[in-house]
């Protein structure tokens, strides 16, 4: 399996003398199997160069599968300049996350309206097929592709391709679920020491992969000012990949303010973190033009992921928001109603328990500090009752201390989000929970 980087930059393209080494084009990575199948991760500005290369070197007519992580501009802006889409007889399959407010077709068509581009999507010569993927194990062109939601303000998928005995992952864009990766009462570096269930699930997704291409836009010092923007630090990416026994880690989605000298230091620091963790993992920063062929024995296959089901968000879901703050309930209701959900409300623990018993619910969004019984007691009660024990619970609270989050996950919370939150953040977390539940 051959891997090549055509774009490594995040947010906006930054060509120029200060980015010559690591590159200035936005995200685009090419993966070619031994059978000649072309997979393309994202379609940032690097897709223009890739398309030109394919027109010259790839077998004709061109067939490619484009795996879009999400539809933020820096991940799709190269699509109108990807030359194979203009050629009659070609066949392009575009995949991306499902359940978003607009389909892939609508989003890609939107950026190619005459207001922005001289050629409309419907005027392209190639046959283009659109597939919106839920979480789980999928098969495309005989190749196993495992998908999982990432923690980003827009619906975003990470991809794990397993072919030729090799597992290659593309994880961009993703933010830590919690500022601290490790529990304070446990030794860092092992999966069981990860504090937040979301980060543990992310590590499980990466487990034993041969190659992981991971978002690492920020430094640890930069991250606090950029929290909730949807990106990782190089420390987080390195530590979690080392704990997941990844063999090769490639850091990407470089911040537009990080020049070549800066990224050289990031690379050195990330390697030092891996050594300090006692990991033999190879670590490097992605650079445009990097190309390598990988061989494997199939040991990185993720058999613990099952086949996908139907996306749960396609029908209305009944969600209970339990919080004594009326303004909070209003914000959450407005956010979640836009996703075709039916929203119920409770102002305290007693009212919440009555509604949980009397209503068929798909999710409970639960505050911790509210009129008795509090959120902790409600979770314990739910998990001890056969009728309510399987209802997912998203804790939405101002309690940002480690003891609270540890207690909530120990007693059965599904996810934990701290106030203040953004509307896209809440929407994505709820969608992810509902899709996984898929009752």
Protein backbone atom coordinates (compact mmCIF):
# COMPACT_ATOMS: atom_id res chain seq x y z
CA UNK A 1 0.00 0.00 0.00
CA UNK A 2 1.42 3.38 -1.02
CA UNK A 3 0.79 6.62 0.88
CA UNK A 4 1.50 10.13 -0.38
CA UNK A 5 0.78 13.58 1.06
CA UNK A 6 -0.45 16.35 -1.26
CA UNK A 7 -1.67 18.78 1.42
CA UNK A 8 -0.76 19.03 5.11
CA UNK A 9 -1.99 22.45 6.23
CA UNK A 10 -5.07 23.26 8.28
CA UNK A 11 -7.55 26.16 8.13
CA UNK A 12 -6.12 28.02 5.13
CA UNK A 13 -3.45 27.44 2.50
CA UNK A 14 -0.13 29.13 3.30
CA UNK A 15 2.24 28.79 0.32
CA UNK A 16 5.52 30.66 0.52
CA UNK A 17 9.20 30.42 1.39
CA UNK A 18 8.53 29.77 5.09
CA UNK A 19 6.43 26.64 4.36
CA UNK A 20 8.44 25.00 1.59
CA UNK A 21 9.57 22.05 3.73
CA UNK A 22 6.27 20.90 5.24
CA UNK A 23 3.97 22.43 2.62
CA UNK A 24 1.30 25.10 2.36
CA UNK A 25 -1.63 23.27 0.73
CA UNK A 26 -4.63 22.24 2.79
CA UNK A 27 -5.45 18.63 3.59
CA UNK A 28 -5.22 15.94 0.92
CA UNK A 29 -3.68 12.45 1.25
CA UNK A 30 -3.54 9.73 -1.41
CA UNK A 31 -3.62 6.01 -0.62
CA UNK A 32 -3.16 3.40 -3.36
CA UNK A 33 -3.67 -0.30 -2.66
CA UNK A 34 -1.59 -3.04 -4.25
CA UNK A 35 -4.54 -3.67 -6.57
CA UNK A 36 -4.36 -0.07 -7.80
CA UNK A 37 -7.44 1.27 -5.98
CA UNK A 38 -7.21 5.00 -5.28
CA UNK A 39 -8.45 6.35 -1.95
CA UNK A 40 -8.18 10.08 -1.24
CA UNK A 41 -8.50 11.52 2.26
CA UNK A 42 -10.02 15.01 2.02
CA UNK A 43 -9.99 17.45 -0.88
CA UNK A 44 -8.17 20.56 0.30
CA UNK A 45 -6.08 22.62 -2.11
CA UNK A 46 -3.60 19.73 -2.36
CA UNK A 47 -6.21 17.91 -4.47
CA UNK A 48 -5.36 20.11 -7.46
CA UNK A 49 -1.80 18.75 -7.63
CA UNK A 50 -3.01 15.21 -7.00
CA UNK A 51 -5.54 15.48 -9.83
CA UNK A 52 -2.88 16.69 -12.25
CA UNK A 53 -0.63 13.80 -11.22
CA UNK A 54 -3.42 11.26 -11.71
CA UNK A 55 -4.28 12.63 -15.13
CA UNK A 56 -0.69 11.96 -16.18
CA UNK A 57 0.04 8.68 -14.40
CA UNK A 58 -3.16 6.87 -13.33
CA UNK A 59 -4.85 4.23 -15.54
CA UNK A 60 -7.75 5.59 -17.62
CA UNK A 61 -10.62 6.01 -17.13
CA UNK A 62 -9.90 7.23 -13.62
CA UNK A 63 -11.79 5.81 -10.68
CA UNK A 64 -11.19 7.15 -7.18
CA UNK A 65 -12.88 7.09 -3.79
CA UNK A 66 -12.74 10.39 -1.91
CA UNK A 67 -13.20 10.11 1.86
CA UNK A 68 -14.22 13.52 3.20
CA UNK A 69 -13.66 13.88 6.94
CA UNK A 70 -16.09 16.82 7.12
CA UNK A 71 -17.20 19.69 4.95
CA UNK A 72 -15.35 22.63 6.47
CA UNK A 73 -13.94 24.68 3.63
CA UNK A 74 -10.27 23.71 4.03
CA UNK A 75 -11.22 20.05 3.47
CA UNK A 76 -13.33 20.47 0.30
CA UNK A 77 -12.05 23.63 -1.42
CA UNK A 78 -9.84 21.65 -3.80
CA UNK A 79 -12.69 19.52 -5.16
CA UNK A 80 -13.63 21.92 -8.01
CA UNK A 81 -9.96 21.87 -9.10
CA UNK A 82 -9.55 18.07 -9.01
CA UNK A 83 -9.05 17.41 -12.74
CA UNK A 84 -10.44 13.82 -12.94
CA UNK A 85 -13.97 15.06 -12.15
CA UNK A 86 -14.04 16.88 -15.50
CA UNK A 87 -13.19 13.81 -17.61
CA UNK A 88 -16.01 11.83 -19.23
CA UNK A 89 -15.87 8.12 -18.45
CA UNK A 90 -14.31 8.62 -15.04
CA UNK A 91 -16.05 7.45 -11.89
CA UNK A 92 -15.63 9.25 -8.59
CA UNK A 93 -17.21 8.08 -5.33
CA UNK A 94 -17.41 10.78 -2.65
CA UNK A 95 -17.98 9.61 0.93
CA UNK A 96 -18.53 11.62 4.08
CA UNK A 97 -20.39 11.68 7.40
CA UNK A 98 -24.14 11.32 7.31
CA UNK A 99 -26.77 13.06 9.37
CA UNK A 100 -25.56 16.59 8.66
CA UNK A 101 -27.95 19.43 7.86
CA UNK A 102 -26.92 19.33 4.18
CA UNK A 103 -26.05 16.34 2.04
CA UNK A 104 -22.63 15.95 0.45
CA UNK A 105 -24.21 16.72 -2.92
CA UNK A 106 -25.78 19.92 -1.61
CA UNK A 107 -22.58 21.10 0.06
CA UNK A 108 -20.30 20.44 -2.91
CA UNK A 109 -22.89 21.94 -5.27
CA UNK A 110 -23.05 25.03 -3.08
CA UNK A 111 -19.39 25.87 -3.44
CA UNK A 112 -19.67 25.42 -7.21
CA UNK A 113 -22.57 27.80 -7.81
CA UNK A 114 -21.87 30.42 -10.44
CA UNK A 115 -21.41 32.98 -7.67
CA UNK A 116 -18.23 31.18 -6.63
CA UNK A 117 -17.15 29.01 -9.58
CA UNK A 118 -17.64 29.03 -13.38
CA UNK A 119 -18.67 25.36 -13.70
CA UNK A 120 -21.60 23.81 -11.84
CA UNK A 121 -21.32 20.39 -10.24
CA UNK A 122 -23.90 18.94 -12.62
CA UNK A 123 -21.81 19.97 -15.61
CA UNK A 124 -18.79 17.80 -14.70
CA UNK A 125 -17.91 14.98 -17.09
CA UNK A 126 -17.21 12.17 -14.63
CA UNK A 127 -19.92 10.07 -13.03
CA UNK A 128 -20.01 11.07 -9.36
CA UNK A 129 -21.65 8.96 -6.67
CA UNK A 130 -22.24 10.17 -3.13
CA UNK A 131 -22.24 7.92 -0.06
CA UNK A 132 -22.98 9.19 3.43
CA UNK A 133 -21.48 6.85 5.99
CA UNK A 134 -22.50 6.12 9.57
CA UNK A 135 -20.11 4.80 12.17
CA UNK A 136 -18.83 1.25 11.97
CA UNK A 137 -17.31 -1.18 9.49
CA UNK A 138 -18.04 -0.49 5.83
CA UNK A 139 -16.83 -2.15 2.63
CA UNK A 140 -16.02 -0.15 -0.49
CA UNK A 141 -14.55 -1.76 -3.59
CA UNK A 142 -13.75 -4.82 -1.50
CA UNK A 143 -11.73 -2.78 1.01
CA UNK A 144 -12.71 -2.64 4.67
CA UNK A 145 -13.15 0.91 5.97
CA UNK A 146 -13.97 1.52 9.62
CA UNK A 147 -15.42 4.93 10.52
CA UNK A 148 -15.88 6.69 13.83
CA UNK A 149 -17.13 10.13 14.82
CA UNK A 150 -14.48 12.59 15.94
CA UNK A 151 -14.86 15.43 18.44
CA UNK A 152 -15.28 18.47 16.20
CA UNK A 153 -17.86 21.29 15.94
CA UNK A 154 -19.06 19.80 12.62
CA UNK A 155 -20.03 16.18 12.01
CA UNK A 156 -16.65 14.58 11.29
CA UNK A 157 -15.48 11.03 10.57
CA UNK A 158 -12.15 9.39 11.18
CA UNK A 159 -11.26 6.62 8.71
CA UNK A 160 -9.42 3.34 9.18
CA UNK A 161 -8.57 1.56 5.94
CA UNK A 162 -7.51 -2.09 6.15
CA UNK A 163 -6.00 -3.55 2.99
CA UNK A 164 -2.90 -5.49 1.93
CA UNK A 165 -2.36 -6.52 5.55
CA UNK A 166 -1.94 -2.85 6.58
CA UNK A 167 -4.16 -0.56 8.64
CA UNK A 168 -3.88 3.14 7.77
CA UNK A 169 -5.89 5.77 9.65
CA UNK A 170 -6.81 9.36 8.85
CA UNK A 171 -7.98 11.28 11.93
CA UNK A 172 -8.59 14.92 11.09
CA UNK A 173 -10.07 17.14 12.73
CA UNK A 174 -10.32 15.97 16.34
CA UNK A 175 -10.21 17.63 19.76
CA UNK A 176 -9.55 15.98 23.13
CA UNK A 177 -12.72 15.26 25.06
CA UNK A 178 -11.04 16.45 28.25
CA UNK A 179 -8.09 18.76 28.88
CA UNK A 180 -6.29 16.14 30.92
CA UNK A 181 -5.86 12.80 29.17
CA UNK A 182 -4.88 10.80 32.26
CA UNK A 183 -6.51 10.12 35.60
CA UNK A 184 -4.51 11.62 38.46
CA UNK A 185 -4.82 8.43 40.50
CA UNK A 186 -3.37 6.10 37.83
CA UNK A 187 -0.12 5.68 35.96
CA UNK A 188 -0.21 7.52 32.59
CA UNK A 189 0.46 5.75 29.33
CA UNK A 190 -2.05 2.89 29.47
CA UNK A 191 -5.60 2.79 28.15
CA UNK A 192 -7.15 2.09 31.55
CA UNK A 193 -5.69 5.38 32.86
CA UNK A 194 -7.54 7.57 30.34
CA UNK A 195 -9.99 9.82 32.20
CA UNK A 196 -12.80 10.59 29.74
CA UNK A 197 -14.75 7.79 28.05
CA UNK A 198 -14.62 9.70 24.76
CA UNK A 199 -10.82 9.71 24.79
CA UNK A 200 -10.79 6.02 25.72
CA UNK A 201 -13.06 5.30 22.77
CA UNK A 202 -10.76 7.32 20.51
CA UNK A 203 -7.74 5.32 21.70
CA UNK A 204 -9.66 2.10 21.03
CA UNK A 205 -10.27 3.32 17.47
CA UNK A 206 -6.50 3.79 16.98
CA UNK A 207 -5.59 0.49 18.61
CA UNK A 208 -2.64 -1.34 16.98
CA UNK A 209 -2.89 0.65 13.73
CA UNK A 210 0.15 0.46 11.46
CA UNK A 211 -0.07 4.12 10.41
CA UNK A 212 -2.08 6.94 12.02
CA UNK A 213 -2.32 10.36 10.35
CA UNK A 214 -3.56 12.56 13.19
CA UNK A 215 -4.60 16.18 13.59
CA UNK A 216 -2.03 18.05 15.72
CA UNK A 217 -2.71 21.69 14.90
CA UNK A 218 -1.85 23.23 18.26
CA UNK A 219 0.89 23.22 20.85
CA UNK A 220 -0.12 22.57 24.48
CA UNK A 221 0.47 26.27 25.18
CA UNK A 222 -1.81 27.36 22.31
CA UNK A 223 -4.68 24.99 23.07
CA UNK A 224 -6.41 26.80 26.01
CA UNK A 225 -7.12 29.82 23.79
CA UNK A 226 -8.40 27.55 20.99
CA UNK A 227 -10.50 25.17 23.06
CA UNK A 228 -13.72 24.04 21.34
CA UNK A 229 -12.27 24.83 17.91
CA UNK A 230 -11.98 21.11 17.22
CA UNK A 231 -8.26 20.33 17.05
CA UNK A 232 -5.62 18.37 18.96
CA UNK A 233 -2.22 19.22 20.33
CA UNK A 234 0.84 17.27 19.29
CA UNK A 235 1.16 16.05 22.89
CA UNK A 236 -2.35 14.60 22.95
CA UNK A 237 -1.92 12.93 19.55
CA UNK A 238 1.42 11.41 20.54
CA UNK A 239 0.41 10.24 23.99
CA UNK A 240 -2.86 8.65 22.94
CA UNK A 241 -1.29 6.97 19.90
CA UNK A 242 1.52 5.58 22.06
CA UNK A 243 -1.00 4.19 24.55
CA UNK A 244 -2.90 2.58 21.64
CA UNK A 245 0.30 0.82 20.48
CA UNK A 246 0.32 2.59 17.11
CA UNK A 247 3.38 1.73 15.02
CA UNK A 248 3.73 4.94 13.00
CA UNK A 249 2.30 8.38 13.82
CA UNK A 250 2.24 11.21 11.27
CA UNK A 251 1.16 14.61 12.62
CA UNK A 252 -0.78 16.83 10.20
CA UNK A 253 -3.24 19.74 9.78
CA UNK A 254 -0.42 22.16 10.57
CA UNK A 255 -1.53 25.56 11.83
CA UNK A 256 -1.12 28.35 9.24
CA UNK A 257 1.04 30.32 11.72
CA UNK A 258 3.55 27.47 12.14
CA UNK A 259 6.43 27.83 9.70
CA UNK A 260 9.00 25.17 8.78
CA UNK A 261 11.33 25.99 11.66
CA UNK A 262 8.46 25.81 14.15
CA UNK A 263 7.21 22.45 12.82
CA UNK A 264 10.74 21.04 12.98
CA UNK A 265 10.69 21.77 16.71
CA UNK A 266 7.21 20.23 17.06
CA UNK A 267 8.49 17.06 15.41
CA UNK A 268 11.44 16.84 17.81
CA UNK A 269 9.24 17.47 20.84
CA UNK A 270 6.68 14.85 19.77
CA UNK A 271 9.43 12.28 19.32
CA UNK A 272 10.71 13.08 22.82
CA UNK A 273 7.20 12.53 24.22
CA UNK A 274 7.03 9.10 22.57
CA UNK A 275 10.44 8.16 23.98
CA UNK A 276 9.43 9.33 27.45
CA UNK A 277 6.37 7.08 27.22
CA UNK A 278 8.63 4.13 26.42
CA UNK A 279 7.01 3.73 22.98
CA UNK A 280 8.92 2.45 19.93
CA UNK A 281 6.43 4.32 17.72
CA UNK A 282 7.93 6.33 14.87
CA UNK A 283 6.75 9.96 14.90
CA UNK A 284 7.05 12.62 12.21
CA UNK A 285 5.29 15.73 10.90
CA UNK A 286 3.62 15.30 7.52
CA UNK A 287 5.15 17.14 4.60
CA UNK A 288 3.98 17.55 1.03
CA UNK A 289 5.58 15.03 -1.27
CA UNK A 290 6.21 12.50 1.48
CA UNK A 291 5.68 9.07 -0.04
CA UNK A 292 6.13 5.62 1.46
CA UNK A 293 5.05 2.07 0.74
CA UNK A 294 3.83 0.03 3.70
CA UNK A 295 3.61 -3.72 4.12
CA UNK A 296 1.90 -5.51 6.98
CA UNK A 297 0.85 -8.87 8.35
CA UNK A 298 -2.75 -7.96 9.17
CA UNK A 299 -2.10 -7.71 12.90
CA UNK A 300 -3.59 -4.20 12.93
CA UNK A 301 -7.03 -5.33 11.79
CA UNK A 302 -9.79 -3.93 14.03
CA UNK A 303 -12.19 -6.85 14.27
CA UNK A 304 -13.93 -5.36 17.31
CA UNK A 305 -15.83 -2.94 15.03
CA UNK A 306 -19.11 -4.28 13.71
CA UNK A 307 -20.92 -3.46 10.48
CA UNK A 308 -22.85 -0.22 10.33
CA UNK A 309 -26.55 0.05 10.94
CA UNK A 310 -29.06 2.71 9.94
CA UNK A 311 -28.21 6.21 11.07
CA UNK A 312 -30.29 6.91 14.13
CA UNK A 313 -30.73 10.60 13.36
CA UNK A 314 -32.91 10.01 10.30
CA UNK A 315 -36.03 9.82 12.41
CA UNK A 316 -37.05 12.08 15.30
CA UNK A 317 -35.58 11.07 18.64
CA UNK A 318 -37.12 11.85 22.00
CA UNK A 319 -34.64 13.63 24.25
CA UNK A 320 -35.15 14.79 27.83
CA UNK A 321 -33.22 17.87 28.97
CA UNK A 322 -33.09 17.93 32.79
CA UNK A 323 -31.68 21.16 34.21
CA UNK A 324 -32.93 23.78 36.66
CA UNK A 325 -31.56 26.59 34.45
CA UNK A 326 -34.38 27.63 32.12
CA UNK A 327 -32.03 29.57 29.81
CA UNK A 328 -29.83 26.49 29.43
CA UNK A 329 -32.82 24.36 28.55
CA UNK A 330 -33.90 26.94 25.96
CA UNK A 331 -30.46 26.93 24.29
CA UNK A 332 -30.27 23.14 24.29
CA UNK A 333 -33.82 22.80 22.98
CA UNK A 334 -33.19 25.21 20.09
CA UNK A 335 -29.99 23.38 19.19
CA UNK A 336 -31.42 19.89 19.25
CA UNK A 337 -34.82 20.67 17.73
CA UNK A 338 -33.03 21.71 14.53
CA UNK A 339 -31.89 18.08 14.20
CA UNK A 340 -35.47 16.76 14.06
CA UNK A 341 -35.52 15.71 17.70
CA UNK A 342 -38.53 15.83 20.00
CA UNK A 343 -37.49 17.64 23.17
CA UNK A 344 -38.92 17.18 26.67
CA UNK A 345 -37.85 19.25 29.68
CA UNK A 346 -37.55 18.78 33.41
CA UNK A 347 -36.50 21.40 35.98
CA UNK A 348 -35.23 19.01 38.66
CA UNK A 349 -34.32 15.45 39.53
CA UNK A 350 -37.75 14.34 40.76
CA UNK A 351 -39.53 15.60 37.64
CA UNK A 352 -36.81 14.03 35.47
CA UNK A 353 -37.26 10.61 37.09
CA UNK A 354 -41.01 10.76 36.58
CA UNK A 355 -40.56 11.55 32.89
CA UNK A 356 -37.89 8.88 32.43
CA UNK A 357 -40.35 6.34 33.84
CA UNK A 358 -43.36 7.51 31.86
CA UNK A 359 -41.83 8.40 28.48
CA UNK A 360 -40.00 6.30 25.91
CA UNK A 361 -36.70 8.20 25.69
CA UNK A 362 -33.70 7.88 23.38
CA UNK A 363 -31.39 10.14 25.42
CA UNK A 364 -31.25 12.05 28.69
CA UNK A 365 -29.23 15.28 28.82
CA UNK A 366 -28.63 15.72 32.53
CA UNK A 367 -27.32 18.45 34.81
CA UNK A 368 -25.57 17.36 38.01
CA UNK A 369 -26.42 20.19 40.42
CA UNK A 370 -30.20 20.59 40.43
CA UNK A 371 -33.06 20.19 42.91
CA UNK A 372 -33.00 16.75 44.54
CA UNK A 373 -32.34 14.15 43.56
CA UNK A 374 -29.21 15.48 41.88
CA UNK A 375 -27.78 14.21 38.62
CA UNK A 376 -25.51 11.63 40.26
CA UNK A 377 -28.50 10.07 42.01
CA UNK A 378 -30.57 10.08 38.83
CA UNK A 379 -27.86 8.17 36.94
CA UNK A 380 -27.51 5.60 39.72
CA UNK A 381 -31.28 5.11 39.76
CA UNK A 382 -31.44 4.75 35.97
CA UNK A 383 -28.65 2.18 35.84
CA UNK A 384 -30.28 0.15 38.60
CA UNK A 385 -33.65 -0.10 36.85
CA UNK A 386 -34.15 -2.70 34.11
CA UNK A 387 -36.46 -0.36 32.15
CA UNK A 388 -34.05 2.60 32.07
CA UNK A 389 -30.58 1.07 32.37
CA UNK A 390 -29.81 1.25 28.66
CA UNK A 391 -30.91 4.85 28.00
CA UNK A 392 -27.81 6.92 27.13
CA UNK A 393 -27.01 9.81 29.46
CA UNK A 394 -25.10 12.91 28.39
CA UNK A 395 -24.01 14.84 31.46
CA UNK A 396 -24.10 18.59 30.72
CA UNK A 397 -22.74 20.43 33.74
CA UNK A 398 -20.63 23.28 35.05
CA UNK A 399 -18.70 20.76 37.18
CA UNK A 400 -15.28 20.64 35.53
CA UNK A 401 -13.41 18.76 38.26
CA UNK A 402 -11.86 15.34 37.84
CA UNK A 403 -13.79 13.74 40.72
CA UNK A 404 -17.13 14.57 39.11
CA UNK A 405 -16.24 13.20 35.68
CA UNK A 406 -14.68 10.04 37.16
CA UNK A 407 -17.75 9.42 39.32
CA UNK A 408 -20.15 9.96 36.41
CA UNK A 409 -18.41 7.47 34.13
CA UNK A 410 -18.04 4.95 36.96
CA UNK A 411 -21.78 5.01 37.66
CA UNK A 412 -22.76 4.77 34.00
CA UNK A 413 -22.77 8.12 32.17
CA UNK A 414 -22.37 7.86 28.40
CA UNK A 415 -20.69 11.22 27.77
CA UNK A 416 -19.71 14.32 29.73
CA UNK A 417 -19.71 17.90 28.44
CA UNK A 418 -18.88 20.97 30.50
CA UNK A 419 -20.69 24.31 30.34
CA UNK A 420 -20.30 26.71 28.67
CA UNK A 421 -20.67 24.81 25.42
CA UNK A 422 -21.35 25.78 21.82
CA UNK A 423 -24.47 24.73 19.94
CA UNK A 424 -22.49 22.79 17.27
CA UNK A 425 -20.58 21.01 20.04
CA UNK A 426 -23.77 19.79 21.72
CA UNK A 427 -25.37 18.83 18.41
CA UNK A 428 -22.41 16.69 17.31
CA UNK A 429 -22.08 14.94 20.67
CA UNK A 430 -25.80 14.10 20.72
CA UNK A 431 -25.73 12.84 17.12
CA UNK A 432 -22.77 10.61 17.92
CA UNK A 433 -24.48 9.11 20.97
CA UNK A 434 -27.74 8.47 19.11
CA UNK A 435 -26.00 6.83 16.18
CA UNK A 436 -24.03 4.50 18.45
CA UNK A 437 -27.15 3.60 20.43
CA UNK A 438 -29.11 2.81 17.24
CA UNK A 439 -31.83 0.87 19.08
